[in-house]
N, C-alpha and C. Protein backbone atom coordinates (compact mmCIF):
# COMPACT_ATOMS: atom_id res chain seq x y z
N MET A 1 2.76 -6.91 13.81
CA MET A 1 2.89 -7.20 12.09
C MET A 1 4.56 -7.48 11.86
N HIS A 2 4.73 -8.65 11.32
CA HIS A 2 6.08 -8.58 10.86
C HIS A 2 6.32 -8.38 10.14
N ALA A 3 7.49 -7.44 9.63
CA ALA A 3 7.94 -6.51 8.28
C ALA A 3 8.22 -7.80 7.19
N ARG A 4 8.34 -9.08 7.31
CA ARG A 4 8.54 -10.22 6.55
C ARG A 4 7.41 -10.33 6.01
N LEU A 5 6.66 -9.86 6.40
CA LEU A 5 5.03 -10.12 5.66
C LEU A 5 4.95 -9.43 4.96
N GLY A 6 5.88 -7.98 4.66
CA GLY A 6 5.73 -7.27 3.83
C GLY A 6 6.54 -7.62 2.36
N TRP A 7 7.59 -8.63 2.81
CA TRP A 7 8.37 -9.39 1.55
C TRP A 7 7.33 -10.38 0.59
N LEU A 8 6.59 -11.34 1.58
CA LEU A 8 6.16 -11.98 1.60
C LEU A 8 4.91 -11.54 0.40
N GLY A 9 3.82 -10.45 0.96
CA GLY A 9 2.79 -9.55 -0.01
C GLY A 9 3.50 -9.17 -1.33
N LEU A 10 4.85 -8.50 -1.34
CA LEU A 10 5.29 -8.19 -2.55
C LEU A 10 5.58 -9.17 -3.56
N ILE A 11 6.09 -10.45 -2.85
CA ILE A 11 6.88 -11.06 -4.02
C ILE A 11 5.50 -11.66 -4.62
N ALA A 12 4.33 -12.28 -3.85
CA ALA A 12 3.09 -12.92 -4.14
C ALA A 12 2.32 -11.97 -4.69
N GLY A 13 2.54 -10.67 -4.84
CA GLY A 13 1.88 -9.95 -5.79
C GLY A 13 2.29 -9.91 -7.20
N LEU A 14 3.88 -9.76 -7.22
CA LEU A 14 4.85 -9.37 -8.49
C LEU A 14 4.57 -10.73 -9.18
N LEU A 15 4.07 -12.26 -8.34
CA LEU A 15 3.72 -13.48 -8.89
C LEU A 15 2.71 -13.38 -9.66
N ALA A 16 1.44 -12.49 -8.89
CA ALA A 16 0.33 -12.52 -9.33
C ALA A 16 -0.04 -11.94 -10.55
N LEU A 17 1.25 -10.91 -11.01
CA LEU A 17 0.74 -9.85 -12.15
C LEU A 17 1.54 -11.12 -12.87
N ALA A 18 2.38 -11.40 -12.91
CA ALA A 18 3.39 -12.29 -13.69
C ALA A 18 2.26 -13.09 -14.52
N ALA A 19 1.35 -13.78 -13.64
CA ALA A 19 0.38 -15.15 -14.00
C ALA A 19 -0.27 -14.32 -14.65
N ALA A 20 -0.91 -12.87 -14.32
CA ALA A 20 -1.78 -12.22 -15.33
C ALA A 20 -1.15 -12.21 -16.52
N TYR A 21 -0.42 -11.90 -16.69
CA TYR A 21 0.18 -11.57 -18.08
C TYR A 21 0.51 -12.71 -18.77
N ALA A 22 0.83 -13.56 -18.21
CA ALA A 22 1.20 -15.38 -18.64
C ALA A 22 -0.52 -15.81 -19.13
N VAL A 23 -1.36 -15.37 -18.36
CA VAL A 23 -2.93 -15.87 -18.89
C VAL A 23 -3.33 -14.96 -20.05
N ALA A 24 -2.94 -13.54 -20.13
CA ALA A 24 -3.56 -13.27 -21.42
C ALA A 24 -2.52 -13.07 -22.39
N ALA A 25 -1.61 -13.87 -22.34
CA ALA A 25 -1.13 -14.48 -23.93
C ALA A 25 -1.25 -15.48 -24.09
N ILE A 26 -1.50 -16.25 -23.03
CA ILE A 26 -2.22 -17.75 -23.64
C ILE A 26 -3.95 -17.80 -24.07
N ARG A 27 -4.32 -16.99 -23.27
CA ARG A 27 -6.35 -16.97 -23.59
C ARG A 27 -6.52 -15.61 -22.77
N PRO A 28 -6.33 -14.49 -24.01
CA PRO A 28 -6.73 -13.51 -23.60
C PRO A 28 -8.20 -13.06 -23.30
N GLU A 29 -9.02 -14.19 -23.59
CA GLU A 29 -10.63 -13.93 -23.09
C GLU A 29 -11.01 -13.97 -21.60
N ALA A 30 -9.76 -14.76 -20.92
CA ALA A 30 -9.76 -15.38 -19.76
C ALA A 30 -10.19 -14.62 -18.71
N SER A 31 -10.84 -14.45 -17.91
CA SER A 31 -12.06 -13.87 -16.67
C SER A 31 -10.46 -13.22 -15.60
N ALA A 32 -9.99 -14.94 -15.35
CA ALA A 32 -8.88 -14.72 -14.01
C ALA A 32 -8.15 -13.74 -14.50
N ILE A 33 -8.06 -13.09 -15.86
CA ILE A 33 -6.90 -11.78 -15.84
C ILE A 33 -6.89 -10.54 -15.07
N GLU A 34 -8.09 -10.24 -14.66
CA GLU A 34 -8.36 -8.76 -14.21
C GLU A 34 -8.45 -9.38 -12.66
N TRP A 35 -9.01 -10.69 -11.89
CA TRP A 35 -8.49 -10.60 -10.32
C TRP A 35 -7.38 -11.06 -10.41
N LEU A 36 -6.48 -11.54 -11.08
CA LEU A 36 -4.89 -11.59 -11.07
C LEU A 36 -4.48 -10.54 -11.03
N THR A 37 -4.73 -9.33 -11.73
CA THR A 37 -4.46 -8.51 -11.74
C THR A 37 -4.80 -7.42 -10.63
N ILE A 38 -5.82 -7.63 -9.92
CA ILE A 38 -6.23 -6.88 -8.91
C ILE A 38 -5.37 -7.49 -7.90
N VAL A 39 -5.39 -8.74 -7.65
CA VAL A 39 -4.79 -9.43 -6.13
C VAL A 39 -3.33 -8.96 -6.34
N GLY A 40 -2.90 -9.01 -7.54
CA GLY A 40 -1.40 -8.54 -8.08
C GLY A 40 -0.95 -7.13 -7.48
N ILE A 41 -1.81 -6.16 -7.55
CA ILE A 41 -1.91 -4.83 -7.69
C ILE A 41 -1.78 -4.35 -5.99
N SER A 42 -2.83 -5.03 -5.51
CA SER A 42 -3.42 -4.78 -4.13
C SER A 42 -2.08 -5.19 -3.16
N THR A 43 -1.74 -6.71 -3.56
CA THR A 43 -0.68 -6.90 -2.16
C THR A 43 1.02 -6.53 -2.64
N SER A 44 0.78 -5.99 -3.85
CA SER A 44 2.07 -5.76 -4.41
C SER A 44 2.67 -4.48 -3.48
N GLN A 45 1.52 -3.74 -3.94
CA GLN A 45 1.75 -2.41 -2.75
C GLN A 45 1.49 -2.37 -1.43
N ALA A 46 1.08 -3.18 -1.04
CA ALA A 46 0.58 -3.37 0.45
C ALA A 46 1.96 -4.19 1.16
N GLY A 47 2.42 -5.00 0.21
CA GLY A 47 3.84 -5.47 0.68
C GLY A 47 4.85 -4.39 0.63
N MET A 48 5.09 -3.20 -0.30
CA MET A 48 5.92 -2.01 -0.78
C MET A 48 6.02 -1.70 0.61
N LEU A 49 4.51 -0.99 1.17
CA LEU A 49 4.18 0.08 2.11
C LEU A 49 4.82 -0.73 3.64
N ALA A 50 4.57 -2.06 3.65
CA ALA A 50 5.04 -2.74 4.90
C ALA A 50 6.58 -2.83 4.92
N ILE A 51 7.07 -3.29 3.62
CA ILE A 51 8.80 -2.86 3.81
C ILE A 51 9.32 -1.51 4.40
N GLY A 52 8.54 -0.44 3.79
CA GLY A 52 9.19 0.47 3.84
C GLY A 52 8.90 1.27 5.10
N ALA A 53 7.89 1.14 5.70
CA ALA A 53 7.55 1.64 7.00
C ALA A 53 7.75 0.75 8.33
N ALA A 54 8.35 -0.52 8.22
CA ALA A 54 9.22 -1.38 9.33
C ALA A 54 10.02 -0.36 10.22
N ARG A 55 10.21 -0.61 11.38
CA ARG A 55 11.03 -0.27 12.20
C ARG A 55 11.55 -1.14 12.91
N SER A 56 12.28 -1.60 12.68
CA SER A 56 13.23 -2.66 13.41
C SER A 56 12.78 -3.99 13.79
N GLY A 57 12.15 -4.09 11.98
CA GLY A 57 11.46 -5.14 11.72
C GLY A 57 10.09 -5.55 11.94
N ARG A 58 9.64 -4.75 12.55
CA ARG A 58 8.18 -4.29 13.10
C ARG A 58 7.52 -3.26 12.20
N LEU A 59 6.20 -3.29 12.44
CA LEU A 59 5.13 -1.99 11.92
C LEU A 59 4.24 -1.93 13.18
N SER A 60 4.18 -0.74 13.14
CA SER A 60 3.80 -0.15 14.12
C SER A 60 2.06 -0.06 13.86
N GLN A 61 1.23 -0.16 14.77
CA GLN A 61 -0.73 -0.10 14.87
C GLN A 61 -0.76 0.34 13.34
N ALA A 62 -0.30 1.61 13.52
CA ALA A 62 -0.61 2.71 12.02
C ALA A 62 -0.53 2.14 10.94
N ALA A 63 0.91 1.65 11.28
CA ALA A 63 1.15 1.21 9.75
C ALA A 63 0.67 -0.16 9.16
N THR A 64 0.36 -0.64 10.33
CA THR A 64 -0.61 -1.99 10.19
C THR A 64 -1.49 -1.47 9.52
N LEU A 65 -2.47 -0.40 10.08
CA LEU A 65 -3.86 0.15 9.60
C LEU A 65 -3.51 -0.04 8.12
N ALA A 66 -2.58 1.13 8.21
CA ALA A 66 -2.08 1.62 6.20
C ALA A 66 -1.98 0.68 5.57
N THR A 67 -1.65 -0.46 5.72
CA THR A 67 -1.00 -1.74 5.30
C THR A 67 -2.27 -2.55 4.58
N PHE A 68 -2.84 -2.46 5.92
CA PHE A 68 -4.56 -3.47 5.48
C PHE A 68 -5.00 -2.46 4.58
N THR A 69 -5.29 -1.36 4.95
CA THR A 69 -5.94 -0.23 3.89
C THR A 69 -5.36 -0.53 2.37
N VAL A 70 -4.04 -0.29 2.24
CA VAL A 70 -3.76 -0.38 0.87
C VAL A 70 -3.83 -1.62 0.42
N LEU A 71 -4.11 -2.89 1.09
CA LEU A 71 -4.23 -4.01 0.40
C LEU A 71 -5.59 -4.21 0.64
N LEU A 72 -6.75 -3.77 1.09
CA LEU A 72 -8.35 -4.19 0.87
C LEU A 72 -9.30 -3.10 0.14
N VAL A 73 -8.46 -2.22 0.01
CA VAL A 73 -9.50 -1.01 -0.40
C VAL A 73 -9.51 -1.07 -1.94
N PRO A 74 -8.42 -1.20 -2.71
CA PRO A 74 -8.32 -1.51 -4.00
C PRO A 74 -9.14 -3.28 -4.17
N LEU A 75 -8.60 -3.84 -3.63
CA LEU A 75 -9.13 -5.33 -3.50
C LEU A 75 -10.76 -5.74 -3.68
N LEU A 76 -11.32 -5.26 -2.48
CA LEU A 76 -12.75 -4.81 -2.88
C LEU A 76 -13.11 -3.61 -3.46
N GLY A 77 -12.74 -2.40 -3.48
CA GLY A 77 -13.13 -1.94 -4.46
C GLY A 77 -13.33 -2.20 -6.09
N PHE A 78 -12.24 -2.55 -6.59
CA PHE A 78 -12.10 -3.36 -8.03
C PHE A 78 -12.96 -4.33 -8.04
N GLY A 79 -12.68 -5.16 -6.67
CA GLY A 79 -13.85 -6.35 -6.96
C GLY A 79 -15.34 -6.05 -7.23
N ALA A 80 -15.56 -5.03 -6.45
CA ALA A 80 -16.82 -5.13 -6.26
C ALA A 80 -17.36 -4.58 -7.61
N VAL A 81 -16.55 -3.82 -8.62
CA VAL A 81 -17.01 -3.32 -9.85
C VAL A 81 -16.98 -4.50 -10.37
N LEU A 82 -16.12 -5.13 -10.89
CA LEU A 82 -15.78 -6.33 -11.53
C LEU A 82 -17.59 -7.64 -11.05
N LEU A 83 -17.78 -7.22 -10.16
CA LEU A 83 -19.04 -8.29 -9.85
C LEU A 83 -20.58 -7.68 -10.17
N LEU A 84 -20.42 -6.07 -10.28
CA LEU A 84 -21.74 -5.50 -10.54
C LEU A 84 -21.96 -6.01 -12.26
N SER A 85 -23.10 -6.73 -12.03
CA SER A 85 -23.64 -6.74 -13.48
C SER A 85 -24.29 -5.57 -14.37
N PRO A 86 -23.81 -5.89 -15.80
CA PRO A 86 -23.69 -4.56 -16.56
C PRO A 86 -24.98 -3.84 -16.66
N GLU A 87 -26.27 -4.63 -16.26
CA GLU A 87 -27.22 -3.55 -16.08
C GLU A 87 -27.40 -2.22 -15.08
N THR A 88 -26.15 -2.66 -14.26
CA THR A 88 -26.08 -1.72 -13.10
C THR A 88 -25.51 -0.39 -14.07
N VAL A 89 -25.08 -0.66 -15.00
CA VAL A 89 -24.42 0.87 -16.09
C VAL A 89 -25.67 1.61 -15.95
N ALA A 90 -26.57 1.30 -16.31
CA ALA A 90 -28.07 2.04 -16.57
C ALA A 90 -28.81 2.63 -15.46
N GLY A 91 -28.04 2.11 -14.10
CA GLY A 91 -28.90 1.93 -13.24
C GLY A 91 -28.86 3.45 -12.49
N PRO A 92 -29.17 4.02 -11.31
CA PRO A 92 -29.28 5.43 -10.58
C PRO A 92 -28.04 5.36 -9.66
N TYR A 93 -27.53 6.75 -10.36
CA TYR A 93 -26.23 7.36 -10.28
C TYR A 93 -26.14 7.76 -8.49
N TRP A 94 -25.12 7.14 -8.33
CA TRP A 94 -24.28 7.43 -6.98
C TRP A 94 -23.79 8.68 -6.76
N LEU A 95 -24.01 9.78 -6.06
CA LEU A 95 -23.16 11.21 -6.37
C LEU A 95 -22.91 11.55 -7.50
N GLY A 96 -23.84 11.47 -8.62
CA GLY A 96 -23.61 12.21 -9.86
C GLY A 96 -23.13 11.21 -10.82
N LEU A 97 -22.92 10.07 -10.29
CA LEU A 97 -21.60 9.32 -11.03
C LEU A 97 -22.38 7.87 -11.33
N PRO A 98 -22.05 7.36 -12.32
CA PRO A 98 -22.53 5.38 -12.77
C PRO A 98 -21.70 5.13 -11.37
N ARG A 99 -22.25 3.85 -10.97
CA ARG A 99 -22.37 2.92 -9.64
C ARG A 99 -20.61 2.46 -10.22
N ARG A 100 -19.92 2.11 -10.82
CA ARG A 100 -18.68 1.78 -11.08
C ARG A 100 -17.70 2.70 -11.13
N ALA A 101 -17.98 4.12 -11.67
CA ALA A 101 -17.17 4.69 -11.60
C ALA A 101 -17.04 5.38 -10.06
N ALA A 102 -18.00 5.35 -9.55
CA ALA A 102 -18.10 5.98 -8.43
C ALA A 102 -17.69 5.12 -6.97
N ILE A 103 -17.74 3.99 -7.46
CA ILE A 103 -16.44 2.91 -6.41
C ILE A 103 -15.71 3.14 -6.67
N VAL A 104 -14.96 3.04 -8.19
CA VAL A 104 -13.40 3.49 -8.07
C VAL A 104 -13.41 4.83 -7.63
N LEU A 105 -14.05 6.04 -8.29
CA LEU A 105 -13.20 7.64 -7.53
C LEU A 105 -13.28 7.50 -6.34
N LEU A 106 -14.58 6.91 -5.86
CA LEU A 106 -14.98 7.42 -4.45
C LEU A 106 -14.17 6.47 -3.49
N GLY A 107 -14.11 5.10 -3.76
CA GLY A 107 -13.94 4.25 -2.66
C GLY A 107 -12.49 3.88 -3.51
N VAL A 108 -11.88 3.64 -3.98
CA VAL A 108 -10.49 3.64 -4.21
C VAL A 108 -9.72 4.58 -4.26
N GLY A 109 -10.27 5.80 -4.67
CA GLY A 109 -9.61 7.19 -4.96
C GLY A 109 -9.25 7.74 -3.65
N VAL A 110 -10.39 7.66 -3.28
CA VAL A 110 -10.81 8.96 -2.26
C VAL A 110 -10.74 8.46 -0.78
N LEU A 111 -11.18 7.00 -0.49
CA LEU A 111 -11.24 6.78 1.03
C LEU A 111 -9.85 6.68 1.48
N PRO A 112 -8.91 5.86 0.53
CA PRO A 112 -7.74 5.97 1.27
C PRO A 112 -7.15 7.18 1.48
N MET A 113 -7.20 8.00 1.07
CA MET A 113 -6.79 9.78 1.31
C MET A 113 -7.33 10.02 2.79
N LEU A 114 -8.61 9.60 2.83
CA LEU A 114 -9.20 9.79 4.51
C LEU A 114 -8.16 8.61 5.62
N VAL A 115 -7.67 7.93 5.43
CA VAL A 115 -7.33 7.30 6.51
C VAL A 115 -5.69 7.56 6.18
N LEU A 116 -5.12 7.44 4.97
CA LEU A 116 -3.56 7.10 5.16
C LEU A 116 -2.43 8.13 5.90
N PRO A 117 -3.04 9.20 5.17
CA PRO A 117 -2.26 10.53 5.79
C PRO A 117 -2.42 10.71 7.58
N PHE A 118 -3.03 10.11 7.98
CA PHE A 118 -3.46 10.30 9.39
C PHE A 118 -2.45 9.04 10.07
N ALA A 119 -2.84 7.73 9.30
CA ALA A 119 -1.75 6.36 10.29
C ALA A 119 -0.39 6.99 9.84
N TYR A 120 0.21 7.50 8.52
CA TYR A 120 1.37 8.28 8.52
C TYR A 120 2.13 8.84 9.90
N ALA A 121 1.30 9.82 9.45
CA ALA A 121 1.65 10.99 10.24
C ALA A 121 1.43 10.03 11.94
N HIS A 122 0.62 9.51 12.51
CA HIS A 122 0.82 8.87 13.59
C HIS A 122 1.49 7.67 13.87
N ALA A 123 1.99 6.86 12.49
CA ALA A 123 3.34 6.12 13.00
C ALA A 123 4.59 6.66 12.52
N HIS A 124 4.89 8.36 12.32
CA HIS A 124 5.96 8.39 12.39
C HIS A 124 6.77 9.39 13.11
N ARG A 125 5.36 9.88 13.75
CA ARG A 125 5.81 10.82 15.17
C ARG A 125 6.68 10.35 16.21
N PRO A 126 6.88 9.05 16.47
CA PRO A 126 7.99 8.70 18.01
C PRO A 126 9.21 8.21 17.18
N ASP A 127 9.21 8.55 15.43
CA ASP A 127 10.47 8.40 14.88
C ASP A 127 11.57 9.04 15.21
N THR A 128 11.48 10.38 15.25
CA THR A 128 11.95 11.64 15.60
C THR A 128 13.24 10.94 16.37
N LEU A 129 14.40 11.81 16.61
CA LEU A 129 15.49 12.01 17.61
C LEU A 129 15.20 12.71 18.56
N ALA A 130 15.59 11.99 20.00
CA ALA A 130 15.65 12.83 21.26
C ALA A 130 17.04 14.05 20.72
N PRO A 131 16.50 15.13 21.77
CA PRO A 131 17.80 16.18 21.48
C PRO A 131 19.28 15.41 22.07
N GLU A 132 19.54 14.66 22.49
CA GLU A 132 20.58 13.65 22.96
C GLU A 132 20.95 13.30 22.16
N GLN A 133 20.16 12.22 21.35
CA GLN A 133 20.41 11.96 20.09
C GLN A 133 21.20 12.26 18.92
N LEU A 134 20.75 13.35 19.02
CA LEU A 134 20.86 14.09 17.41
C LEU A 134 22.06 14.81 17.86
N ALA A 135 22.59 15.42 19.31
CA ALA A 135 24.21 15.80 19.64
C ALA A 135 24.95 14.60 19.60
N GLN A 136 24.21 13.28 19.73
CA GLN A 136 25.34 12.18 19.71
C GLN A 136 25.97 12.44 18.29
N LEU A 137 24.39 12.32 17.15
CA LEU A 137 24.46 11.89 16.06
C LEU A 137 25.62 13.44 14.91
N ARG A 138 26.00 14.45 15.77
CA ARG A 138 26.20 15.44 15.12
C ARG A 138 27.52 15.21 15.47
N ARG A 139 28.14 14.76 16.98
CA ARG A 139 29.83 14.72 17.40
C ARG A 139 29.91 13.43 16.08
N ARG A 140 29.71 12.37 16.41
CA ARG A 140 30.06 11.07 15.47
C ARG A 140 30.00 11.40 13.93
N ALA A 141 29.33 12.43 13.46
CA ALA A 141 29.43 13.12 12.09
C ALA A 141 30.69 14.09 12.07
N ALA A 142 30.99 14.74 13.11
CA ALA A 142 32.15 15.82 12.67
C ALA A 142 33.37 14.88 12.91
N GLU A 143 33.38 13.93 13.72
CA GLU A 143 34.54 13.11 14.04
C GLU A 143 34.36 12.17 12.95
N LEU A 144 33.68 11.86 12.19
CA LEU A 144 34.23 10.99 10.92
C LEU A 144 34.55 12.17 9.41
N ARG A 145 33.91 13.43 9.58
CA ARG A 145 34.78 14.20 8.66
C ARG A 145 36.17 14.79 9.06
N GLY A 146 36.35 14.34 10.60
CA GLY A 146 37.63 14.89 10.60
C GLY A 146 37.75 16.36 11.54
N GLU A 147 36.19 16.74 11.72
CA GLU A 147 36.27 18.56 11.88
C GLU A 147 36.55 18.39 14.00
N ALA A 148 36.48 17.01 14.35
CA ALA A 148 36.57 16.92 16.30
C ALA A 148 37.59 15.81 16.76
N PRO A 149 37.98 16.20 17.25
CA PRO A 149 39.00 14.83 17.81
C PRO A 149 38.08 13.66 18.22
N THR A 150 38.84 12.20 17.69
CA THR A 150 37.64 11.00 18.22
C THR A 150 38.13 10.51 19.92
N ARG A 151 37.20 10.22 20.22
CA ARG A 151 37.62 9.82 21.94
C ARG A 151 38.61 9.05 22.13
């Protein structure tokens, strides 16, 4: 995945959020407000993650997985809550919680915590400096501080 998609996601998400505010100012009862907000939050978060996780303009497989997780989990979780009928509020509980609360707390809150830390750990493992690169960086820093003669 290319990092430019991160900028596209961030801009699209911010535009969706701006549209949600505009619709709310004009027609506060419109149902599009919730959907624009969900899409805006999900895409802007995924875009920011993609921008921050890009190395040399590209995303690793783990960073791509994390980006899609951040995009899809809130989108699907909050979307499912909006699509549930009002009758489900009084329905059976899931793990001791009403269905909507269970989807938000467990789906949107807990599920990403099971995926994202492993994706970050896997994505950033190869980004460490080799001993030769670290020694070169230290020599260059010493040269810039005037502590060592330049070559």
